[in-house]
Amino acid sequence: MKLTWNKNNNNNKKRSREAIASYPNLPFDQQDPSHDDMQLQNQEHAHSQHQDKPSADALDSDFKQLAQSFQAQGNKLAEDGKYREALGKWETALNLMPENAVLLEQKAQVLLELGDAWSALKAATRATELEPSWAEAWITLGRSQLNFGEPDSAIESFGRALAIKPDSVEAQDDRKTASHLIKKRKQLHSSGLSTDKNRYMVGDSTESS
């Protein structure tokens, strides 16, 4: 049956939905008998996908466990003196846990062993940013600064370490080394030799010439 305007209705409105429904043979009023089944299947499929998808907490836990495994492997390699191999393991762990201060501090130590003072300085700095109340991180930063030729900054870092851990023999000894290097620099400056060498590396002779 074709829908038409109701000419007898002075309001000129279309038929209501109830009026149309009184004609059971209208093609658009019939629903596909499989419609409900398809809708149910779609809902079940969506629910199944939701159940199969791992939660964010589960993924974080898996990443953490994997990172800890790489960290442990790196620790063993470092203990055996295999610093480059250890660094590779720790780099992998840091890709999974980039905000891990312990890994960054360990990385800085190994980089110092490998002679890369600048990279050690960056790693140690980040470790102190993440854990500003960790004395060992400040000690490693101070040593990185010393090896990079910045004894003034190193003294500040060792001072931060001693403020946190006053009985740290390492920080006390390293601060003395930094103070001696600054004294040596002043002596060279007064003798007119500072233009040839402005930075002093750990391992330089600390005896006055």
Foldseek 3Di string as FASTA:
>chain_A
DDFDFDPVDPVRDGDDPVVVVVDPPDVVVDDDPCVVVVVVVVVVVVVVVVVPDDDPVVVLVVLQVQLVVLQVVLVVCVVVVNLVSSLVSLVVSCVSVVLDLVSLQVNLVSCVVVLNLVSSLVSLVSSCVSPVLALSSLLSNLLSCQQVQNLVVSLVSLVSSCVNVVPDPSSVVSNVVSVLVVVVLVVCVVVVNCVVPVGDHPVPDSDDD
